[in-house]
Amino acid sequence: MEIITLILAALACVFSLLALLRKPPESGLSGEDLEKVRQDLLAEIRQTRQELSGRVLTGMQASASQTEQKLESIRNTMEVRLNAMQASNDRRLNEMRQTVDEKLQQTLEDRLQKSFGLVSRQLELVYKGLGEMRNLAAGVGDLKKVLSNVKTRGILGEIQLGAILEQILAPEQYAENVATAPGSSDRVEFALRLPGDGEGEIWLPIDAKFPVDAYSALMDAYDTGDRAAVEAAAKELDKRVRSFGKDIHDKYIAPPYTTDFGVMFLPIEGLYAEVVRLGTAERLQRDYKVVIAGPTTMAALLNSLQMGFHTLAIQKRSSEVWKVLGSVKAEFETFGQALAQAQNRINQASRELENLVGVRTRQIQRKLRQVTELPAANTPEAEPEVLLGENES
């Protein structure tokens, strides 16, 4: 307001000066007067300017002070609000952090619990597997102990051979612990009964052998890749199998009480394959007349022998079959004659029944028509017929 007042005062002085300058010369003002007026105006203007400058400076200082106070107040207000906002944000961040920590802790605990549960179950399965492996290792150790004994190995092969025979053949088709040669104390493990000439029978000896030590040595030599070791192990296996074949030939093959060949059963297919690959099977068959058989080939051999048994049985019973067919033929001729006689009697009875049914039925029907079809009342001949009919009836 003071600045506006000063500006208005300055404007009033300027207007007054202009008004004096515009007056006509005949007003009586001289040059000195004008100069004095000018000097006065200039002094007034300087004074007014100085006052205006002072007041402007004072106003500006006051305005600056007020502005500074307002800015200080605004700064204080903003500081308070910022502090409040910071405190609120800190509080919210703490709440959010606490919530996130709780959720993370819960999630972590759940996942850890699930993971530990899964690991625990898997460890339990591993423990069970280790227990089973321990039992299996114990079983393998027991099996090694069993297989390390020659007599036990023979019993194992004998049990397997007996199971195959029991599955394929009938009990009367084979026997156990048979002395195939008369007067010999050597008994073969199994022998098949084969039909011989006439009513007699002959034996087919089958003996189980299990050279597992020689076979294991050969497999170990294959694993090492040592050619010399492989050849040595193969020779040892061939030697053992040939000795088994010689024993079977010398102890159990005795024609004509037995067949002229015997069978050596090897309970492992790999062992059988190695014996065939080495050519030992051919040499045994040629030198000692012993046939090598594994579990699969033994089953095939027994099936072929079973078919041979059926063929021999059919050949033995063929004469009986022809006799039965002859008697059936004679009985059938007698049956045909009896059937022809019965057919004649049936035809005769049919003719008599036809005669009885046809003739008598027609007579009865004619009499009934005479009774039901009465003549008219005015006919003179009606009453005698009716009376006749009544008398007849």
Protein backbone atom coordinates (compact mmCIF):
# COMPACT_ATOMS: atom_id res chain seq x y z
CA MET A 1 0.00 0.00 0.00
CA GLU A 2 2.84 2.47 0.81
CA ILE A 3 4.42 1.84 -2.57
CA ILE A 4 1.12 2.60 -4.28
CA THR A 5 0.75 5.83 -2.26
CA LEU A 6 4.23 7.01 -3.26
CA ILE A 7 3.55 6.22 -6.88
CA LEU A 8 0.32 8.23 -6.76
CA ALA A 9 2.13 11.19 -5.13
CA ALA A 10 4.80 11.16 -7.81
CA LEU A 11 2.14 11.07 -10.48
CA ALA A 12 0.40 14.04 -8.86
CA CYS A 13 3.62 16.09 -8.95
CA VAL A 14 4.16 15.24 -12.56
CA PHE A 15 0.63 16.27 -13.44
CA SER A 16 1.06 19.54 -11.54
CA LEU A 17 4.24 20.34 -13.42
CA LEU A 18 2.60 19.60 -16.70
CA ALA A 19 -0.27 21.84 -15.78
CA LEU A 20 2.09 24.71 -14.96
CA LEU A 21 3.98 24.25 -18.18
CA ARG A 22 0.81 24.37 -20.20
CA LYS A 23 -0.35 27.70 -18.76
CA PRO A 24 -0.16 30.70 -21.16
CA PRO A 25 2.75 33.13 -20.87
CA GLU A 26 0.58 35.96 -19.88
CA SER A 27 0.04 34.49 -16.54
CA GLY A 28 2.95 36.53 -15.29
CA LEU A 29 5.50 33.70 -14.57
CA SER A 30 9.04 34.62 -15.46
CA GLY A 31 11.94 32.36 -16.35
CA GLU A 32 13.31 32.47 -12.88
CA ASP A 33 10.05 31.39 -11.50
CA LEU A 34 9.96 28.55 -13.88
CA GLU A 35 13.51 27.60 -13.03
CA LYS A 36 12.67 27.70 -9.36
CA VAL A 37 9.62 25.63 -9.94
CA ARG A 38 11.70 23.24 -11.92
CA GLN A 39 14.29 23.08 -9.16
CA ASP A 40 11.60 22.54 -6.59
CA LEU A 41 10.06 19.84 -8.68
CA LEU A 42 13.38 18.18 -9.17
CA ALA A 43 14.06 18.34 -5.44
CA GLU A 44 10.61 17.04 -4.77
CA ILE A 45 11.11 14.32 -7.29
CA ARG A 46 14.47 13.38 -5.77
CA GLN A 47 13.00 13.38 -2.35
CA THR A 48 10.04 11.42 -3.57
CA ARG A 49 12.38 9.01 -5.32
CA GLN A 50 14.49 8.63 -2.23
CA GLU A 51 11.43 8.10 -0.10
CA LEU A 52 10.04 5.78 -2.72
CA SER A 53 13.34 3.89 -2.83
CA GLY A 54 13.46 3.66 0.93
CA ARG A 55 9.89 2.60 1.18
CA VAL A 56 10.35 0.14 -1.66
CA LEU A 57 13.46 -1.20 0.05
CA THR A 58 11.64 -1.36 3.34
CA GLY A 59 8.66 -3.05 1.66
CA MET A 60 10.90 -5.47 -0.10
CA GLN A 61 12.72 -6.24 3.12
CA ALA A 62 9.40 -6.67 4.89
CA SER A 63 8.12 -8.75 2.00
CA ALA A 64 11.32 -10.77 2.02
CA SER A 65 10.97 -11.22 5.76
CA GLN A 66 7.36 -12.27 5.37
CA THR A 67 8.32 -14.53 2.50
CA GLU A 68 11.09 -16.01 4.57
CA GLN A 69 8.70 -16.53 7.45
CA LYS A 70 6.17 -18.12 5.15
CA LEU A 71 8.86 -20.30 3.62
CA GLU A 72 10.08 -21.23 7.07
CA SER A 73 6.53 -22.07 8.05
CA ILE A 74 6.08 -24.05 4.85
CA ARG A 75 9.42 -25.74 5.45
CA ASN A 76 8.44 -26.58 9.01
CA THR A 77 5.07 -27.84 7.83
CA MET A 78 6.68 -29.89 5.04
CA GLU A 79 9.25 -31.20 7.47
CA VAL A 80 6.53 -32.23 9.89
CA ARG A 81 4.53 -33.82 7.11
CA LEU A 82 7.60 -35.51 5.69
CA ASN A 83 8.50 -36.79 9.12
CA ALA A 84 4.95 -38.02 9.59
CA MET A 85 4.98 -39.58 6.11
CA GLN A 86 8.38 -41.14 6.78
CA ALA A 87 7.17 -42.50 10.09
CA SER A 88 4.03 -43.84 8.42
CA ASN A 89 6.08 -45.36 5.63
CA ASP A 90 8.50 -46.84 8.14
CA ARG A 91 5.60 -48.27 10.08
CA ARG A 92 4.01 -49.69 6.94
CA LEU A 93 7.36 -51.03 5.74
CA ASN A 94 7.87 -52.68 9.10
CA GLU A 95 4.41 -54.19 8.90
CA MET A 96 5.03 -55.33 5.33
CA ARG A 97 8.45 -56.70 6.27
CA GLN A 98 6.96 -58.48 9.25
CA THR A 99 4.16 -59.91 7.11
CA VAL A 100 6.61 -60.95 4.38
CA ASP A 101 8.94 -62.44 6.99
CA GLU A 102 6.08 -64.38 8.54
CA LYS A 103 4.92 -65.66 5.15
CA LEU A 104 8.45 -66.46 4.07
CA GLN A 105 9.08 -68.20 7.36
CA GLN A 106 5.87 -70.20 7.07
CA THR A 107 6.52 -71.05 3.43
CA LEU A 108 10.09 -71.96 4.22
CA GLU A 109 9.00 -74.12 7.14
CA ASP A 110 6.35 -75.83 5.01
CA ARG A 111 8.78 -76.49 2.18
CA LEU A 112 11.48 -77.60 4.56
CA GLN A 113 9.00 -79.88 6.29
CA LYS A 114 7.89 -81.33 2.97
CA SER A 115 11.47 -81.65 1.79
CA PHE A 116 12.54 -83.31 5.03
CA GLY A 117 9.49 -85.58 4.82
CA LEU A 118 10.37 -86.54 1.24
CA VAL A 119 14.01 -87.04 2.17
CA SER A 120 12.94 -89.08 5.19
CA ARG A 121 10.72 -91.30 3.04
CA GLN A 122 13.45 -91.72 0.45
CA LEU A 123 15.97 -92.50 3.17
CA GLU A 124 13.53 -95.04 4.54
CA LEU A 125 13.23 -96.59 1.08
CA VAL A 126 17.00 -96.52 0.76
CA TYR A 127 17.26 -98.17 4.16
CA LYS A 128 14.79 -100.82 3.09
CA GLY A 129 16.71 -101.26 -0.15
CA LEU A 130 19.93 -101.60 1.80
CA GLY A 131 18.25 -104.17 4.00
CA GLU A 132 17.08 -106.06 0.92
CA MET A 133 20.55 -105.74 -0.59
CA ARG A 134 22.01 -107.02 2.67
CA ASN A 135 19.61 -109.96 2.59
CA LEU A 136 20.42 -110.49 -1.09
CA ALA A 137 24.12 -110.35 -0.32
CA ALA A 138 23.58 -112.88 2.44
CA GLY A 139 21.61 -115.02 0.00
CA VAL A 140 24.35 -114.71 -2.59
CA GLY A 141 26.88 -115.69 0.04
CA ASP A 142 24.75 -118.69 0.96
CA LEU A 143 24.42 -119.52 -2.74
CA LYS A 144 28.19 -119.30 -3.13
CA LYS A 145 28.60 -121.61 -0.16
CA VAL A 146 26.09 -123.99 -1.70
CA LEU A 147 27.74 -123.87 -5.12
CA SER A 148 31.19 -124.30 -3.63
CA ASN A 149 30.21 -127.82 -2.56
CA VAL A 150 30.29 -130.34 -5.39
CA LYS A 151 27.62 -132.57 -3.85
CA THR A 152 25.31 -129.61 -3.25
CA ARG A 153 25.75 -128.44 -6.83
CA GLY A 154 24.72 -131.88 -8.02
CA ILE A 155 21.63 -131.78 -5.81
CA LEU A 156 20.69 -128.38 -7.25
CA GLY A 157 20.91 -129.66 -10.82
CA GLU A 158 19.00 -132.80 -9.83
CA ILE A 159 16.18 -130.72 -8.32
CA GLN A 160 15.87 -128.61 -11.47
CA LEU A 161 15.87 -131.70 -13.70
CA GLY A 162 13.21 -133.35 -11.52
CA ALA A 163 11.00 -130.26 -11.78
CA ILE A 164 11.21 -130.30 -15.58
CA LEU A 165 10.38 -134.02 -15.75
CA GLU A 166 7.46 -133.58 -13.36
CA GLN A 167 5.97 -130.78 -15.45
CA ILE A 168 6.16 -132.59 -18.80
CA LEU A 169 5.95 -136.36 -18.18
CA ALA A 170 3.59 -138.58 -16.24
CA PRO A 171 4.95 -140.24 -13.06
CA GLU A 172 4.89 -143.73 -14.65
CA GLN A 173 7.01 -142.56 -17.58
CA TYR A 174 10.21 -142.05 -15.56
CA ALA A 175 11.91 -143.18 -12.35
CA GLU A 176 14.53 -141.88 -9.89
CA ASN A 177 17.80 -143.48 -8.78
CA VAL A 178 17.65 -146.33 -11.27
CA ALA A 179 20.33 -149.02 -11.66
CA THR A 180 20.16 -149.22 -15.44
CA ALA A 181 22.79 -151.98 -15.81
CA PRO A 182 21.85 -155.35 -14.20
CA GLY A 183 24.06 -156.15 -11.22
CA SER A 184 25.57 -152.63 -11.11
CA SER A 185 25.58 -150.50 -7.98
CA ASP A 186 25.75 -147.25 -9.98
CA ARG A 187 22.42 -145.50 -10.01
CA VAL A 188 21.54 -142.72 -12.40
CA GLU A 189 19.54 -139.77 -11.06
CA PHE A 190 16.64 -140.14 -13.54
CA ALA A 191 15.76 -142.63 -16.27
CA LEU A 192 12.89 -142.61 -18.76
CA ARG A 193 10.85 -145.74 -19.44
CA LEU A 194 10.81 -146.49 -23.17
CA PRO A 195 8.83 -149.35 -24.72
CA GLY A 196 11.10 -152.13 -25.97
CA ASP A 197 10.57 -155.25 -28.08
CA GLY A 198 7.56 -157.25 -26.99
CA GLU A 199 6.31 -156.48 -23.50
CA GLY A 200 9.65 -155.36 -22.06
CA GLU A 201 10.96 -151.84 -21.51
CA ILE A 202 14.32 -150.11 -21.74
CA TRP A 203 15.76 -147.15 -19.85
CA LEU A 204 17.02 -143.80 -21.12
CA PRO A 205 19.53 -142.51 -18.48
CA ILE A 206 19.55 -138.75 -17.72
CA ASP A 207 22.21 -137.36 -15.36
CA ALA A 208 22.54 -133.72 -14.16
CA LYS A 209 26.01 -132.15 -14.07
CA PHE A 210 26.97 -128.67 -12.89
CA PRO A 211 30.67 -127.65 -13.37
CA VAL A 212 30.03 -124.15 -12.05
CA ASP A 213 33.65 -123.51 -10.96
CA ALA A 214 35.02 -124.07 -14.46
CA TYR A 215 32.18 -122.02 -15.97
CA SER A 216 32.78 -119.14 -13.49
CA ALA A 217 36.49 -119.16 -14.31
CA LEU A 218 35.64 -118.88 -18.01
CA MET A 219 33.27 -115.96 -17.38
CA ASP A 220 35.92 -114.18 -15.27
CA ALA A 221 38.44 -114.68 -18.07
CA TYR A 222 35.97 -113.13 -20.53
CA ASP A 223 35.60 -110.12 -18.22
CA THR A 224 39.35 -109.57 -17.96
CA GLY A 225 39.82 -109.89 -21.72
CA ASP A 226 42.90 -112.07 -21.33
CA ARG A 227 42.99 -114.37 -24.33
CA ALA A 228 45.34 -116.88 -22.75
CA ALA A 229 43.17 -117.07 -19.62
CA VAL A 230 40.07 -117.57 -21.79
CA GLU A 231 41.68 -120.43 -23.71
CA ALA A 232 42.90 -122.09 -20.50
CA ALA A 233 39.46 -121.81 -18.85
CA ALA A 234 37.75 -123.15 -22.00
CA LYS A 235 40.10 -126.16 -22.07
CA GLU A 236 39.39 -126.85 -18.39
CA LEU A 237 35.63 -126.67 -19.00
CA ASP A 238 35.91 -128.99 -22.00
CA LYS A 239 37.96 -131.43 -19.93
CA ARG A 240 35.43 -131.44 -17.08
CA VAL A 241 32.42 -131.96 -19.36
CA ARG A 242 34.18 -134.75 -21.28
CA SER A 243 34.96 -136.51 -17.98
CA PHE A 244 31.27 -136.27 -17.05
CA GLY A 245 30.29 -137.75 -20.42
CA LYS A 246 32.73 -140.64 -19.97
CA ASP A 247 31.24 -141.41 -16.53
CA ILE A 248 27.71 -141.48 -17.95
CA HIS A 249 28.80 -143.78 -20.78
CA ASP A 250 30.70 -146.18 -18.53
CA LYS A 251 28.21 -146.31 -15.64
CA TYR A 252 24.72 -145.95 -17.04
CA ILE A 253 24.63 -146.95 -20.74
CA ALA A 254 24.19 -150.75 -21.06
CA PRO A 255 22.27 -151.91 -24.17
CA PRO A 256 19.93 -153.76 -24.56
CA TYR A 257 18.74 -152.82 -21.08
CA THR A 258 19.16 -149.13 -21.90
CA THR A 259 19.27 -147.06 -25.00
CA ASP A 260 22.61 -146.79 -26.77
CA PHE A 261 22.87 -143.12 -25.72
CA GLY A 262 22.45 -141.07 -22.57
CA VAL A 263 21.58 -137.46 -21.73
CA MET A 264 23.68 -135.00 -19.71
CA PHE A 265 21.59 -132.15 -18.23
CA LEU A 266 23.29 -128.76 -17.65
CA PRO A 267 21.09 -126.52 -15.44
CA ILE A 268 22.32 -123.15 -16.87
CA GLU A 269 21.64 -121.98 -20.41
CA GLY A 270 24.92 -120.04 -20.52
CA LEU A 271 26.87 -123.15 -19.58
CA TYR A 272 25.03 -125.14 -22.26
CA ALA A 273 25.79 -122.44 -24.86
CA GLU A 274 29.50 -122.45 -23.97
CA VAL A 275 29.68 -126.25 -24.23
CA VAL A 276 28.00 -126.11 -27.66
CA ARG A 277 30.29 -123.25 -28.78
CA LEU A 278 33.42 -125.15 -27.77
CA GLY A 279 32.30 -128.18 -29.82
CA THR A 280 32.24 -130.39 -26.74
CA ALA A 281 28.65 -131.47 -27.40
CA GLU A 282 29.58 -132.95 -30.80
CA ARG A 283 32.62 -134.76 -29.39
CA LEU A 284 30.58 -136.23 -26.53
CA GLN A 285 27.93 -137.46 -28.92
CA ARG A 286 30.54 -138.97 -31.22
CA ASP A 287 32.88 -140.49 -28.63
CA TYR A 288 30.60 -141.42 -25.72
CA LYS A 289 27.09 -141.26 -27.25
CA VAL A 290 26.00 -138.66 -24.71
CA VAL A 291 23.61 -135.86 -25.68
CA ILE A 292 23.99 -132.45 -23.99
CA ALA A 293 20.74 -130.69 -22.95
CA GLY A 294 20.05 -127.37 -21.24
CA PRO A 295 16.76 -126.42 -19.53
CA THR A 296 15.12 -125.35 -22.80
CA THR A 297 16.47 -128.17 -24.96
CA MET A 298 15.60 -130.66 -22.22
CA ALA A 299 11.97 -129.57 -22.35
CA ALA A 300 11.97 -129.87 -26.16
CA LEU A 301 13.56 -133.36 -25.94
CA LEU A 302 10.97 -134.53 -23.43
CA ASN A 303 8.12 -133.16 -25.57
CA SER A 304 9.43 -135.06 -28.61
CA LEU A 305 9.72 -138.25 -26.52
CA GLN A 306 6.18 -137.69 -25.27
CA MET A 307 4.97 -137.62 -28.89
CA GLY A 308 6.94 -140.81 -29.51
CA PHE A 309 5.20 -142.45 -26.53
CA HIS A 310 1.83 -141.58 -28.00
CA THR A 311 2.85 -142.96 -31.41
CA LEU A 312 4.01 -146.27 -29.90
CA ALA A 313 0.84 -146.52 -27.85
CA ILE A 314 -1.24 -146.02 -30.98
CA GLN A 315 0.77 -148.70 -32.81
CA LYS A 316 0.30 -151.17 -29.95
CA ARG A 317 -3.43 -150.55 -29.80
CA SER A 318 -4.01 -150.61 -33.57
CA SER A 319 -4.87 -154.37 -33.65
CA GLU A 320 -7.28 -153.90 -30.78
CA VAL A 321 -8.86 -151.05 -32.64
CA TRP A 322 -9.37 -153.26 -35.72
CA LYS A 323 -11.00 -155.96 -33.58
CA VAL A 324 -13.32 -153.43 -32.03
CA LEU A 325 -14.19 -152.07 -35.47
CA GLY A 326 -14.96 -155.65 -36.71
CA SER A 327 -17.27 -156.34 -33.79
CA VAL A 328 -18.91 -152.97 -34.31
CA LYS A 329 -19.46 -153.84 -37.98
CA ALA A 330 -21.18 -157.16 -37.10
CA GLU A 331 -23.31 -155.52 -34.48
CA PHE A 332 -24.24 -152.80 -36.93
CA GLU A 333 -25.47 -155.40 -39.51
CA THR A 334 -27.63 -157.07 -36.83
CA PHE A 335 -28.89 -153.65 -35.81
CA GLY A 336 -29.80 -152.89 -39.44
CA GLN A 337 -31.85 -156.08 -39.78
CA ALA A 338 -33.68 -155.42 -36.53
CA LEU A 339 -34.30 -151.85 -37.62
CA ALA A 340 -35.78 -153.03 -40.97
CA GLN A 341 -38.13 -155.44 -39.16
CA ALA A 342 -39.21 -152.70 -36.81
CA GLN A 343 -39.81 -150.38 -39.75
CA ASN A 344 -42.05 -153.02 -41.44
CA ARG A 345 -44.06 -153.46 -38.27
CA ILE A 346 -44.44 -149.73 -37.91
CA ASN A 347 -45.66 -149.46 -41.54
CA GLN A 348 -48.21 -152.28 -41.00
CA ALA A 349 -49.52 -150.65 -37.82
CA SER A 350 -49.76 -147.35 -39.69
CA ARG A 351 -51.83 -148.95 -42.46
CA GLU A 352 -54.18 -150.59 -39.93
CA LEU A 353 -54.52 -147.31 -38.07
CA GLU A 354 -55.25 -145.51 -41.34
CA ASN A 355 -57.95 -148.10 -42.19
CA LEU A 356 -59.47 -147.87 -38.75
CA VAL A 357 -59.42 -144.10 -38.59
CA GLY A 358 -60.58 -143.50 -42.17
CA VAL A 359 -63.45 -146.03 -42.60
CA ARG A 360 -64.92 -145.91 -39.12
CA THR A 361 -64.69 -142.14 -39.01
CA ARG A 362 -66.58 -141.76 -42.26
CA GLN A 363 -69.35 -144.15 -41.06
CA ILE A 364 -69.74 -142.27 -37.78
CA GLN A 365 -69.83 -138.92 -39.57
CA ARG A 366 -72.54 -140.20 -41.95
CA LYS A 367 -74.71 -141.38 -39.04
CA LEU A 368 -74.26 -138.04 -37.31
CA ARG A 369 -75.32 -136.13 -40.41
CA GLN A 370 -78.48 -138.20 -40.52
CA VAL A 371 -79.25 -137.23 -36.95
CA THR A 372 -78.49 -133.51 -37.23
CA GLU A 373 -80.00 -132.88 -40.73
CA LEU A 374 -83.71 -133.59 -39.97
CA PRO A 375 -86.27 -133.42 -42.87
CA ALA A 376 -89.31 -131.00 -42.92
CA ALA A 377 -92.36 -131.76 -40.69
CA ASN A 378 -94.88 -131.99 -43.57
CA THR A 379 -92.91 -134.67 -45.35
CA PRO A 380 -94.67 -138.01 -44.92
CA GLU A 381 -91.50 -139.98 -45.03
CA ALA A 382 -89.88 -138.02 -42.28
CA GLU A 383 -91.40 -139.80 -39.30
CA PRO A 384 -90.44 -143.31 -40.34
CA GLU A 385 -86.85 -142.20 -40.84
CA VAL A 386 -86.85 -140.49 -37.48
CA LEU A 387 -88.44 -143.50 -35.83
CA LEU A 388 -86.02 -145.71 -37.61
CA GLY A 389 -83.26 -143.53 -36.38
CA GLU A 390 -84.64 -143.65 -32.85
CA ASN A 391 -84.93 -147.43 -32.96
CA GLU A 392 -81.44 -147.71 -34.29
CA SER A 393 -80.24 -145.44 -31.61
